[in-house]
Amino acid sequence: MEMKPRNRFPRGWNEARVKAVLEHYESQTEDEAVAEDEAAFRRRDQAIMVVPKELVLTITKLITREETVAARRRDNTRLQPASGARRKSKSIRRSRVARG
């Protein structure tokens, strides 16, 4: 029995999501595609850049690394709720020491 290779998807993606995205773009009219592209260029929270093709993989890896670091920071912040209490108590102690 021959096993077919298993597809690997990025986190949050699966075969159904890939098929839905393909269906979206394959069923678009040319006018709808142009309108979507123009809307993307107007977004203020993103940037569009032209880069040499040989840098695309490097840039993608850099973005992924930065997203991973940011996610770890968010997770670490959630795991340390007492740190705010510790900071407050230190500031109270410092202010008492300063007052004498």
PDB file of N, CA and C in Angstrom:
ATOM      1  N   MET A   1       0.846  -1.184   0.000  1.00  0.00           N
ATOM      2  CA  MET A   1       0.000   0.000   0.000  1.00  0.00           C
ATOM      3  C   MET A   1       0.887   1.241   0.000  1.00  0.00           C
ATOM      4  N   GLU A   2       0.729   2.060  -0.989  1.00  0.00           N
ATOM      5  CA  GLU A   2       1.547   3.265  -1.123  1.00  0.00           C
ATOM      6  C   GLU A   2       0.891   4.426  -0.381  1.00  0.00           C
ATOM      7  N   MET A   3       1.698   5.086   0.460  1.00  0.00           N
ATOM      8  CA  MET A   3       1.166   6.238   1.194  1.00  0.00           C
ATOM      9  C   MET A   3       1.445   7.505   0.402  1.00  0.00           C
ATOM     10  N   LYS A   4       0.426   8.329   0.260  1.00  0.00           N
ATOM     11  CA  LYS A   4       0.665   9.593  -0.431  1.00  0.00           C
ATOM     12  C   LYS A   4       1.269  10.582   0.553  1.00  0.00           C
ATOM     13  N   PRO A   5       2.109  11.480   0.072  1.00  0.00           N
ATOM     14  CA  PRO A   5       2.750  12.444   0.984  1.00  0.00           C
ATOM     15  C   PRO A   5       1.712  13.323   1.678  1.00  0.00           C
ATOM     16  N   ARG A   6       1.961  13.571   2.930  1.00  0.00           N
ATOM     17  CA  ARG A   6       1.049  14.402   3.727  1.00  0.00           C
ATOM     18  C   ARG A   6       1.345  15.874   3.465  1.00  0.00           C
ATOM     19  N   ASN A   7       0.300  16.650   3.179  1.00  0.00           N
ATOM     20  CA  ASN A   7       0.479  18.091   2.999  1.00  0.00           C
ATOM     21  C   ASN A   7       0.717  18.742   4.345  1.00  0.00           C
ATOM     22  N   ARG A   8       1.594  19.714   4.364  1.00  0.00           N
ATOM     23  CA  ARG A   8       1.863  20.464   5.590  1.00  0.00           C
ATOM     24  C   ARG A   8       1.432  21.897   5.354  1.00  0.00           C
ATOM     25  N   PHE A   9       0.628  22.407   6.255  1.00  0.00           N
ATOM     26  CA  PHE A   9       0.108  23.762   6.145  1.00  0.00           C
ATOM     27  C   PHE A   9       0.659  24.610   7.271  1.00  0.00           C
ATOM     28  N   PRO A  10       0.780  25.906   7.037  1.00  0.00           N
ATOM     29  CA  PRO A  10       1.186  26.803   8.127  1.00  0.00           C
ATOM     30  C   PRO A  10       0.147  26.775   9.242  1.00  0.00           C
ATOM     31  N   ARG A  11       0.552  27.198  10.414  1.00  0.00           N
ATOM     32  CA  ARG A  11      -0.356  27.239  11.565  1.00  0.00           C
ATOM     33  C   ARG A  11      -1.609  28.040  11.202  1.00  0.00           C
ATOM     34  N   GLY A  12      -2.771  27.484  11.519  1.00  0.00           N
ATOM     35  CA  GLY A  12      -4.033  28.156  11.238  1.00  0.00           C
ATOM     36  C   GLY A  12      -4.597  27.847   9.855  1.00  0.00           C
ATOM     37  N   TRP A  13      -3.868  27.120   9.045  1.00  0.00           N
ATOM     38  CA  TRP A  13      -4.321  26.771   7.702  1.00  0.00           C
ATOM     39  C   TRP A  13      -4.581  25.277   7.627  1.00  0.00           C
ATOM     40  N   ASN A  14      -5.511  24.895   6.761  1.00  0.00           N
ATOM     41  CA  ASN A  14      -5.781  23.494   6.483  1.00  0.00           C
ATOM     42  C   ASN A  14      -6.250  23.388   5.042  1.00  0.00           C
ATOM     43  N   GLU A  15      -6.533  22.180   4.599  1.00  0.00           N
ATOM     44  CA  GLU A  15      -6.919  21.979   3.203  1.00  0.00           C
ATOM     45  C   GLU A  15      -8.185  22.749   2.845  1.00  0.00           C
ATOM     46  N   ALA A  16      -9.155  22.783   3.754  1.00  0.00           N
ATOM     47  CA  ALA A  16     -10.411  23.500   3.483  1.00  0.00           C
ATOM     48  C   ALA A  16     -10.163  24.992   3.291  1.00  0.00           C
ATOM     49  N   ARG A  17      -9.304  25.568   4.107  1.00  0.00           N
ATOM     50  CA  ARG A  17      -9.019  27.000   3.985  1.00  0.00           C
ATOM     51  C   ARG A  17      -8.298  27.308   2.668  1.00  0.00           C
ATOM     52  N   VAL A  18      -7.354  26.452   2.291  1.00  0.00           N
ATOM     53  CA  VAL A  18      -6.641  26.632   1.031  1.00  0.00           C
ATOM     54  C   VAL A  18      -7.629  26.565  -0.134  1.00  0.00           C
ATOM     55  N   LYS A  19      -8.527  25.583  -0.100  1.00  0.00           N
ATOM     56  CA  LYS A  19      -9.522  25.454  -1.175  1.00  0.00           C
ATOM     57  C   LYS A  19     -10.432  26.674  -1.239  1.00  0.00           C
ATOM     58  N   ALA A  20     -10.809  27.217  -0.077  1.00  0.00           N
ATOM     59  CA  ALA A  20     -11.670  28.404  -0.053  1.00  0.00           C
ATOM     60  C   ALA A  20     -10.965  29.615  -0.662  1.00  0.00           C
ATOM     61  N   VAL A  21      -9.677  29.776  -0.361  1.00  0.00           N
ATOM     62  CA  VAL A  21      -8.912  30.896  -0.921  1.00  0.00           C
ATOM     63  C   VAL A  21      -8.779  30.733  -2.434  1.00  0.00           C
ATOM     64  N   LEU A  22      -8.464  29.516  -2.871  1.00  0.00           N
ATOM     65  CA  LEU A  22      -8.365  29.264  -4.314  1.00  0.00           C
ATOM     66  C   LEU A  22      -9.688  29.548  -5.013  1.00  0.00           C
ATOM     67  N   GLU A  23     -10.771  29.096  -4.429  1.00  0.00           N
ATOM     68  CA  GLU A  23     -12.094  29.331  -5.011  1.00  0.00           C
ATOM     69  C   GLU A  23     -12.376  30.828  -5.123  1.00  0.00           C
ATOM     70  N   HIS A  24     -12.029  31.574  -4.075  1.00  0.00           N
ATOM     71  CA  HIS A  24     -12.245  33.024  -4.070  1.00  0.00           C
ATOM     72  C   HIS A  24     -11.552  33.676  -5.261  1.00  0.00           C
ATOM     73  N   TYR A  25     -10.264  33.381  -5.419  1.00  0.00           N
ATOM     74  CA  TYR A  25      -9.500  34.045  -6.471  1.00  0.00           C
ATOM     75  C   TYR A  25      -9.820  33.510  -7.869  1.00  0.00           C
ATOM     76  N   GLU A  26     -10.116  32.233  -7.977  1.00  0.00           N
ATOM     77  CA  GLU A  26     -10.440  31.672  -9.285  1.00  0.00           C
ATOM     78  C   GLU A  26     -11.804  32.120  -9.795  1.00  0.00           C
ATOM     79  N   SER A  27     -12.704  32.498  -8.886  1.00  0.00           N
ATOM     80  CA  SER A  27     -14.044  32.897  -9.309  1.00  0.00           C
ATOM     81  C   SER A  27     -14.190  34.422  -9.466  1.00  0.00           C
ATOM     82  N   GLN A  28     -13.151  35.180  -9.141  1.00  0.00           N
ATOM     83  CA  GLN A  28     -13.209  36.642  -9.266  1.00  0.00           C
ATOM     84  C   GLN A  28     -13.226  37.074 -10.726  1.00  0.00           C
ATOM     85  N   THR A  29     -13.993  38.106 -10.977  1.00  0.00           N
ATOM     86  CA  THR A  29     -13.910  38.739 -12.292  1.00  0.00           C
ATOM     87  C   THR A  29     -12.671  39.624 -12.298  1.00  0.00           C
ATOM     88  N   GLU A  30     -12.276  40.070 -13.461  1.00  0.00           N
ATOM     89  CA  GLU A  30     -11.110  40.949 -13.549  1.00  0.00           C
ATOM     90  C   GLU A  30     -11.360  42.258 -12.801  1.00  0.00           C
ATOM     91  N   ASP A  31     -12.572  42.788 -12.917  1.00  0.00           N
ATOM     92  CA  ASP A  31     -12.912  44.032 -12.205  1.00  0.00           C
ATOM     93  C   ASP A  31     -12.845  43.845 -10.693  1.00  0.00           C
ATOM     94  N   GLU A  32     -13.325  42.708 -10.199  1.00  0.00           N
ATOM     95  CA  GLU A  32     -13.267  42.442  -8.756  1.00  0.00           C
ATOM     96  C   GLU A  32     -11.822  42.317  -8.283  1.00  0.00           C
ATOM     97  N   ALA A  33     -10.982  41.677  -9.092  1.00  0.00           N
ATOM     98  CA  ALA A  33      -9.568  41.524  -8.734  1.00  0.00           C
ATOM     99  C   ALA A  33      -8.870  42.881  -8.684  1.00  0.00           C
ATOM    100  N   VAL A  34      -9.157  43.737  -9.667  1.00  0.00           N
ATOM    101  CA  VAL A  34      -8.563  45.084  -9.686  1.00  0.00           C
ATOM    102  C   VAL A  34      -9.022  45.881  -8.470  1.00  0.00           C
ATOM    103  N   ALA A  35     -10.313  45.800  -8.141  1.00  0.00           N
ATOM    104  CA  ALA A  35     -10.848  46.527  -6.982  1.00  0.00           C
ATOM    105  C   ALA A  35     -10.183  46.048  -5.693  1.00  0.00           C
ATOM    106  N   GLU A  36      -9.971  44.741  -5.574  1.00  0.00           N
ATOM    107  CA  GLU A  36      -9.317  44.199  -4.378  1.00  0.00           C
ATOM    108  C   GLU A  36      -7.871  44.686  -4.283  1.00  0.00           C
ATOM    109  N   ASP A  37      -7.166  44.689  -5.407  1.00  0.00           N
ATOM    110  CA  ASP A  37      -5.782  45.176  -5.412  1.00  0.00           C
ATOM    111  C   ASP A  37      -5.716  46.659  -5.043  1.00  0.00           C
ATOM    112  N   GLU A  38      -6.607  47.453  -5.598  1.00  0.00           N
ATOM    113  CA  GLU A  38      -6.616  48.883  -5.290  1.00  0.00           C
ATOM    114  C   GLU A  38      -6.910  49.131  -3.815  1.00  0.00           C
ATOM    115  N   ALA A  39      -7.814  48.350  -3.251  1.00  0.00           N
ATOM    116  CA  ALA A  39      -8.124  48.482  -1.825  1.00  0.00           C
ATOM    117  C   ALA A  39      -6.889  48.159  -0.978  1.00  0.00           C
ATOM    118  N   ALA A  40      -6.124  47.170  -1.392  1.00  0.00           N
ATOM    119  CA  ALA A  40      -4.911  46.804  -0.655  1.00  0.00           C
ATOM    120  C   ALA A  40      -3.897  47.945  -0.662  1.00  0.00           C
ATOM    121  N   PHE A  41      -3.782  48.640  -1.788  1.00  0.00           N
ATOM    122  CA  PHE A  41      -2.839  49.760  -1.873  1.00  0.00           C
ATOM    123  C   PHE A  41      -3.277  50.941  -1.006  1.00  0.00           C
ATOM    124  N   ARG A  42      -4.564  51.056  -0.741  1.00  0.00           N
ATOM    125  CA  ARG A  42      -5.062  52.176   0.077  1.00  0.00           C
ATOM    126  C   ARG A  42      -4.957  51.919   1.578  1.00  0.00           C
ATOM    127  N   ARG A  43      -4.713  50.689   1.982  1.00  0.00           N
ATOM    128  CA  ARG A  43      -4.638  50.379   3.423  1.00  0.00           C
ATOM    129  C   ARG A  43      -3.492  51.135   4.073  1.00  0.00           C
ATOM    130  N   ARG A  44      -3.749  51.698   5.224  1.00  0.00           N
ATOM    131  CA  ARG A  44      -2.721  52.471   5.926  1.00  0.00           C
ATOM    132  C   ARG A  44      -1.924  51.632   6.920  1.00  0.00           C
ATOM    133  N   ASP A  45      -2.401  50.424   7.211  1.00  0.00           N
ATOM    134  CA  ASP A  45      -1.718  49.583   8.194  1.00  0.00           C
ATOM    135  C   ASP A  45      -0.770  48.573   7.541  1.00  0.00           C
ATOM    136  N   GLN A  46      -0.605  48.654   6.223  1.00  0.00           N
ATOM    137  CA  GLN A  46       0.287  47.749   5.516  1.00  0.00           C
ATOM    138  C   GLN A  46       1.092  48.526   4.484  1.00  0.00           C
ATOM    139  N   ALA A  47       2.184  47.918   4.050  1.00  0.00           N
ATOM    140  CA  ALA A  47       3.016  48.535   3.017  1.00  0.00           C
ATOM    141  C   ALA A  47       3.173  47.563   1.853  1.00  0.00           C
ATOM    142  N   ILE A  48       3.231  48.105   0.673  1.00  0.00           N
ATOM    143  CA  ILE A  48       3.478  47.320  -0.529  1.00  0.00           C
ATOM    144  C   ILE A  48       4.887  47.666  -1.000  1.00  0.00           C
ATOM    145  N   MET A  49       5.701  46.625  -1.233  1.00  0.00           N
ATOM    146  CA  MET A  49       7.082  46.855  -1.655  1.00  0.00           C
ATOM    147  C   MET A  49       7.403  45.993  -2.865  1.00  0.00           C
ATOM    148  N   VAL A  50       8.293  46.488  -3.686  1.00  0.00           N
ATOM    149  CA  VAL A  50       8.831  45.694  -4.779  1.00  0.00           C
ATOM    150  C   VAL A  50      10.255  45.318  -4.356  1.00  0.00           C
ATOM    151  N   VAL A  51      10.510  44.008  -4.307  1.00  0.00           N
ATOM    152  CA  VAL A  51      11.826  43.530  -3.891  1.00  0.00           C
ATOM    153  C   VAL A  51      12.321  42.505  -4.915  1.00  0.00           C
ATOM    154  N   PRO A  52      13.621  42.338  -5.021  1.00  0.00           N
ATOM    155  CA  PRO A  52      14.144  41.310  -5.920  1.00  0.00           C
ATOM    156  C   PRO A  52      13.643  39.923  -5.491  1.00  0.00           C
ATOM    157  N   LYS A  53      13.306  39.096  -6.452  1.00  0.00           N
ATOM    158  CA  LYS A  53      12.763  37.763  -6.156  1.00  0.00           C
ATOM    159  C   LYS A  53      13.676  36.948  -5.250  1.00  0.00           C
ATOM    160  N   GLU A  54      14.977  37.111  -5.420  1.00  0.00           N
ATOM    161  CA  GLU A  54      15.893  36.297  -4.611  1.00  0.00           C
ATOM    162  C   GLU A  54      15.848  36.671  -3.126  1.00  0.00           C
ATOM    163  N   LEU A  55      15.239  37.807  -2.779  1.00  0.00           N
ATOM    164  CA  LEU A  55      15.125  38.206  -1.368  1.00  0.00           C
ATOM    165  C   LEU A  55      13.801  37.800  -0.726  1.00  0.00           C
ATOM    166  N   VAL A  56      12.867  37.318  -1.522  1.00  0.00           N
ATOM    167  CA  VAL A  56      11.534  37.012  -0.988  1.00  0.00           C
ATOM    168  C   VAL A  56      11.604  35.973   0.135  1.00  0.00           C
ATOM    169  N   LEU A  57      12.333  34.890  -0.051  1.00  0.00           N
ATOM    170  CA  LEU A  57      12.425  33.858   0.981  1.00  0.00           C
ATOM    171  C   LEU A  57      13.053  34.412   2.258  1.00  0.00           C
ATOM    172  N   THR A  58      14.098  35.198   2.116  1.00  0.00           N
ATOM    173  CA  THR A  58      14.762  35.796   3.279  1.00  0.00           C
ATOM    174  C   THR A  58      13.812  36.738   4.023  1.00  0.00           C
ATOM    175  N   ILE A  59      13.085  37.545   3.293  1.00  0.00           N
ATOM    176  CA  ILE A  59      12.138  38.488   3.899  1.00  0.00           C
ATOM    177  C   ILE A  59      11.013  37.733   4.604  1.00  0.00           C
ATOM    178  N   THR A  60      10.510  36.683   3.959  1.00  0.00           N
ATOM    179  CA  THR A  60       9.446  35.875   4.558  1.00  0.00           C
ATOM    180  C   THR A  60       9.917  35.254   5.866  1.00  0.00           C
ATOM    181  N   LYS A  61      11.134  34.720   5.875  1.00  0.00           N
ATOM    182  CA  LYS A  61      11.690  34.136   7.109  1.00  0.00           C
ATOM    183  C   LYS A  61      11.840  35.193   8.206  1.00  0.00           C
ATOM    184  N   LEU A  62      12.282  36.379   7.831  1.00  0.00           N
ATOM    185  CA  LEU A  62      12.443  37.468   8.799  1.00  0.00           C
ATOM    186  C   LEU A  62      11.099  37.856   9.409  1.00  0.00           C
ATOM    187  N   ILE A  63      10.083  37.984   8.579  1.00  0.00           N
ATOM    188  CA  ILE A  63       8.743  38.328   9.082  1.00  0.00           C
ATOM    189  C   ILE A  63       8.238  37.240  10.017  1.00  0.00           C
ATOM    190  N   THR A  64       8.410  35.983   9.625  1.00  0.00           N
ATOM    191  CA  THR A  64       7.974  34.862  10.460  1.00  0.00           C
ATOM    192  C   THR A  64       8.696  34.882  11.804  1.00  0.00           C
ATOM    193  N   ARG A  65      10.006  35.133  11.780  1.00  0.00           N
ATOM    194  CA  ARG A  65      10.780  35.186  13.026  1.00  0.00           C
ATOM    195  C   ARG A  65      10.278  36.311  13.930  1.00  0.00           C
ATOM    196  N   GLU A  66      10.040  37.477  13.357  1.00  0.00           N
ATOM    197  CA  GLU A  66       9.554  38.613  14.148  1.00  0.00           C
ATOM    198  C   GLU A  66       8.167  38.329  14.733  1.00  0.00           C
ATOM    199  N   GLU A  67       7.285  37.693  13.941  1.00  0.00           N
ATOM    200  CA  GLU A  67       5.958  37.340  14.447  1.00  0.00           C
ATOM    201  C   GLU A  67       6.065  36.344  15.587  1.00  0.00           C
ATOM    202  N   THR A  68       6.988  35.389  15.475  1.00  0.00           N
ATOM    203  CA  THR A  68       7.188  34.386  16.522  1.00  0.00           C
ATOM    204  C   THR A  68       7.680  35.041  17.806  1.00  0.00           C
ATOM    205  N   VAL A  69       8.641  35.946  17.685  1.00  0.00           N
ATOM    206  CA  VAL A  69       9.166  36.660  18.861  1.00  0.00           C
ATOM    207  C   VAL A  69       8.052  37.468  19.520  1.00  0.00           C
ATOM    208  N   ALA A  70       7.250  38.166  18.719  1.00  0.00           N
ATOM    209  CA  ALA A  70       6.150  38.968  19.266  1.00  0.00           C
ATOM    210  C   ALA A  70       5.124  38.076  19.965  1.00  0.00           C
ATOM    211  N   ALA A  71       4.823  36.924  19.392  1.00  0.00           N
ATOM    212  CA  ALA A  71       3.861  36.007  20.004  1.00  0.00           C
ATOM    213  C   ALA A  71       4.394  35.476  21.334  1.00  0.00           C
ATOM    214  N   ARG A  72       5.683  35.171  21.380  1.00  0.00           N
ATOM    215  CA  ARG A  72       6.278  34.688  22.639  1.00  0.00           C
ATOM    216  C   ARG A  72       6.225  35.770  23.710  1.00  0.00           C
ATOM    217  N   ARG A  73       6.472  37.012  23.312  1.00  0.00           N
ATOM    218  CA  ARG A  73       6.395  38.110  24.284  1.00  0.00           C
ATOM    219  C   ARG A  73       4.982  38.243  24.829  1.00  0.00           C
ATOM    220  N   ARG A  74       3.988  38.142  23.923  1.00  0.00           N
ATOM    221  CA  ARG A  74       2.586  38.220  24.371  1.00  0.00           C
ATOM    222  C   ARG A  74       2.276  37.082  25.328  1.00  0.00           C
ATOM    223  N   ASP A  75       2.726  35.870  24.987  1.00  0.00           N
ATOM    224  CA  ASP A  75       2.464  34.711  25.842  1.00  0.00           C
ATOM    225  C   ASP A  75       3.140  34.875  27.195  1.00  0.00           C
ATOM    226  N   ASN A  76       4.382  35.364  27.212  1.00  0.00           N
ATOM    227  CA  ASN A  76       5.102  35.562  28.473  1.00  0.00           C
ATOM    228  C   ASN A  76       4.413  36.614  29.333  1.00  0.00           C
ATOM    229  N   THR A  77       3.885  37.638  28.716  1.00  0.00           N
ATOM    230  CA  THR A  77       3.176  38.683  29.454  1.00  0.00           C
ATOM    231  C   THR A  77       1.942  38.106  30.129  1.00  0.00           C
ATOM    232  N   ARG A  78       1.237  37.241  29.412  1.00  0.00           N
ATOM    233  CA  ARG A  78       0.029  36.616  29.974  1.00  0.00           C
ATOM    234  C   ARG A  78       0.360  35.667  31.117  1.00  0.00           C
ATOM    235  N   LEU A  79       1.541  35.068  31.082  1.00  0.00           N
ATOM    236  CA  LEU A  79       1.914  34.082  32.093  1.00  0.00           C
ATOM    237  C   LEU A  79       2.436  34.717  33.377  1.00  0.00           C
ATOM    238  N   GLN A  80       2.653  36.030  33.390  1.00  0.00           N
ATOM    239  CA  GLN A  80       3.252  36.679  34.546  1.00  0.00           C
ATOM    240  C   GLN A  80       2.359  37.787  35.106  1.00  0.00           C
ATOM    241  N   PRO A  81       1.153  37.434  35.592  1.00  0.00           N
ATOM    242  CA  PRO A  81       0.262  38.485  36.092  1.00  0.00           C
ATOM    243  C   PRO A  81       0.761  39.132  37.379  1.00  0.00           C
ATOM    244  N   ALA A  82       1.584  38.423  38.141  1.00  0.00           N
ATOM    245  CA  ALA A  82       2.053  38.979  39.411  1.00  0.00           C
ATOM    246  C   ALA A  82       3.118  40.047  39.224  1.00  0.00           C
ATOM    247  N   SER A  83       3.694  40.152  38.051  1.00  0.00           N
ATOM    248  CA  SER A  83       4.783  41.115  37.856  1.00  0.00           C
ATOM    249  C   SER A  83       4.314  42.543  38.094  1.00  0.00           C
ATOM    250  N   GLY A  84       3.084  42.844  37.722  1.00  0.00           N
ATOM    251  CA  GLY A  84       2.546  44.184  37.966  1.00  0.00           C
ATOM    252  C   GLY A  84       2.443  44.458  39.454  1.00  0.00           C
ATOM    253  N   ALA A  85       2.027  43.445  40.215  1.00  0.00           N
ATOM    254  CA  ALA A  85       1.918  43.604  41.668  1.00  0.00           C
ATOM    255  C   ALA A  85       3.302  43.806  42.275  1.00  0.00           C
ATOM    256  N   ARG A  86       4.288  43.047  41.767  1.00  0.00           N
ATOM    257  CA  ARG A  86       5.643  43.219  42.281  1.00  0.00           C
ATOM    258  C   ARG A  86       6.167  44.605  41.971  1.00  0.00           C
ATOM    259  N   ARG A  87       5.920  45.082  40.759  1.00  0.00           N
ATOM    260  CA  ARG A  87       6.387  46.414  40.396  1.00  0.00           C
ATOM    261  C   ARG A  87       5.746  47.461  41.286  1.00  0.00           C
ATOM    262  N   LYS A  88       4.471  47.307  41.567  1.00  0.00           N
ATOM    263  CA  LYS A  88       3.779  48.270  42.401  1.00  0.00           C
ATOM    264  C   LYS A  88       4.381  48.279  43.806  1.00  0.00           C
ATOM    265  N   SER A  89       4.601  47.087  44.354  1.00  0.00           N
ATOM    266  CA  SER A  89       5.141  47.043  45.711  1.00  0.00           C
ATOM    267  C   SER A  89       6.540  47.644  45.763  1.00  0.00           C
ATOM    268  N   LYS A  90       7.361  47.425  44.724  1.00  0.00           N
ATOM    269  CA  LYS A  90       8.699  48.031  44.697  1.00  0.00           C
ATOM    270  C   LYS A  90       8.600  49.547  44.648  1.00  0.00           C
ATOM    271  N   SER A  91       7.676  50.063  43.839  1.00  0.00           N
ATOM    272  CA  SER A  91       7.556  51.516  43.738  1.00  0.00           C
ATOM    273  C   SER A  91       7.061  52.101  45.056  1.00  0.00           C
ATOM    274  N   ILE A  92       6.204  51.367  45.748  1.00  0.00           N
ATOM    275  CA  ILE A  92       5.737  51.837  47.063  1.00  0.00           C
ATOM    276  C   ILE A  92       6.914  51.854  48.038  1.00  0.00           C
ATOM    277  N   ARG A  93       7.713  50.778  48.021  1.00  0.00           N
ATOM    278  CA  ARG A  93       8.862  50.735  48.912  1.00  0.00           C
ATOM    279  C   ARG A  93       9.847  51.858  48.596  1.00  0.00           C
ATOM    280  N   ARG A  94      10.085  52.087  47.323  1.00  0.00           N
ATOM    281  CA  ARG A  94      11.012  53.156  46.940  1.00  0.00           C
ATOM    282  C   ARG A  94      10.500  54.514  47.413  1.00  0.00           C
ATOM    283  N   SER A  95       9.213  54.744  47.263  1.00  0.00           N
ATOM    284  CA  SER A  95       8.688  56.048  47.665  1.00  0.00           C
ATOM    285  C   SER A  95       8.775  56.210  49.195  1.00  0.00           C
ATOM    286  N   ARG A  96       8.592  55.138  49.944  1.00  0.00           N
ATOM    287  CA  ARG A  96       8.712  55.213  51.397  1.00  0.00           C
ATOM    288  C   ARG A  96      10.157  55.481  51.810  1.00  0.00           C
ATOM    289  N   VAL A  97      11.101  54.805  51.095  1.00  0.00           N
ATOM    290  CA  VAL A  97      12.506  55.015  51.390  1.00  0.00           C
ATOM    291  C   VAL A  97      12.884  56.446  51.080  1.00  0.00           C
ATOM    292  N   ALA A  98      12.399  56.955  49.971  1.00  0.00           N
ATOM    293  CA  ALA A  98      12.722  58.319  49.566  1.00  0.00           C
ATOM    294  C   ALA A  98      12.197  59.333  50.590  1.00  0.00           C
ATOM    295  N   ARG A  99      11.045  59.001  51.175  1.00  0.00           N
ATOM    296  CA  ARG A  99      10.475  59.934  52.147  1.00  0.00           C
ATOM    297  C   ARG A  99      11.204  59.879  53.488  1.00  0.00           C
ATOM    298  N   GLY A 100      11.869  58.734  53.747  1.00  0.00           N
ATOM    299  CA  GLY A 100      12.640  58.636  54.979  1.00  0.00           C
ATOM    300  C   GLY A 100      11.930  58.119  56.107  1.00  0.00           C
TER     301      GLY A 100
END
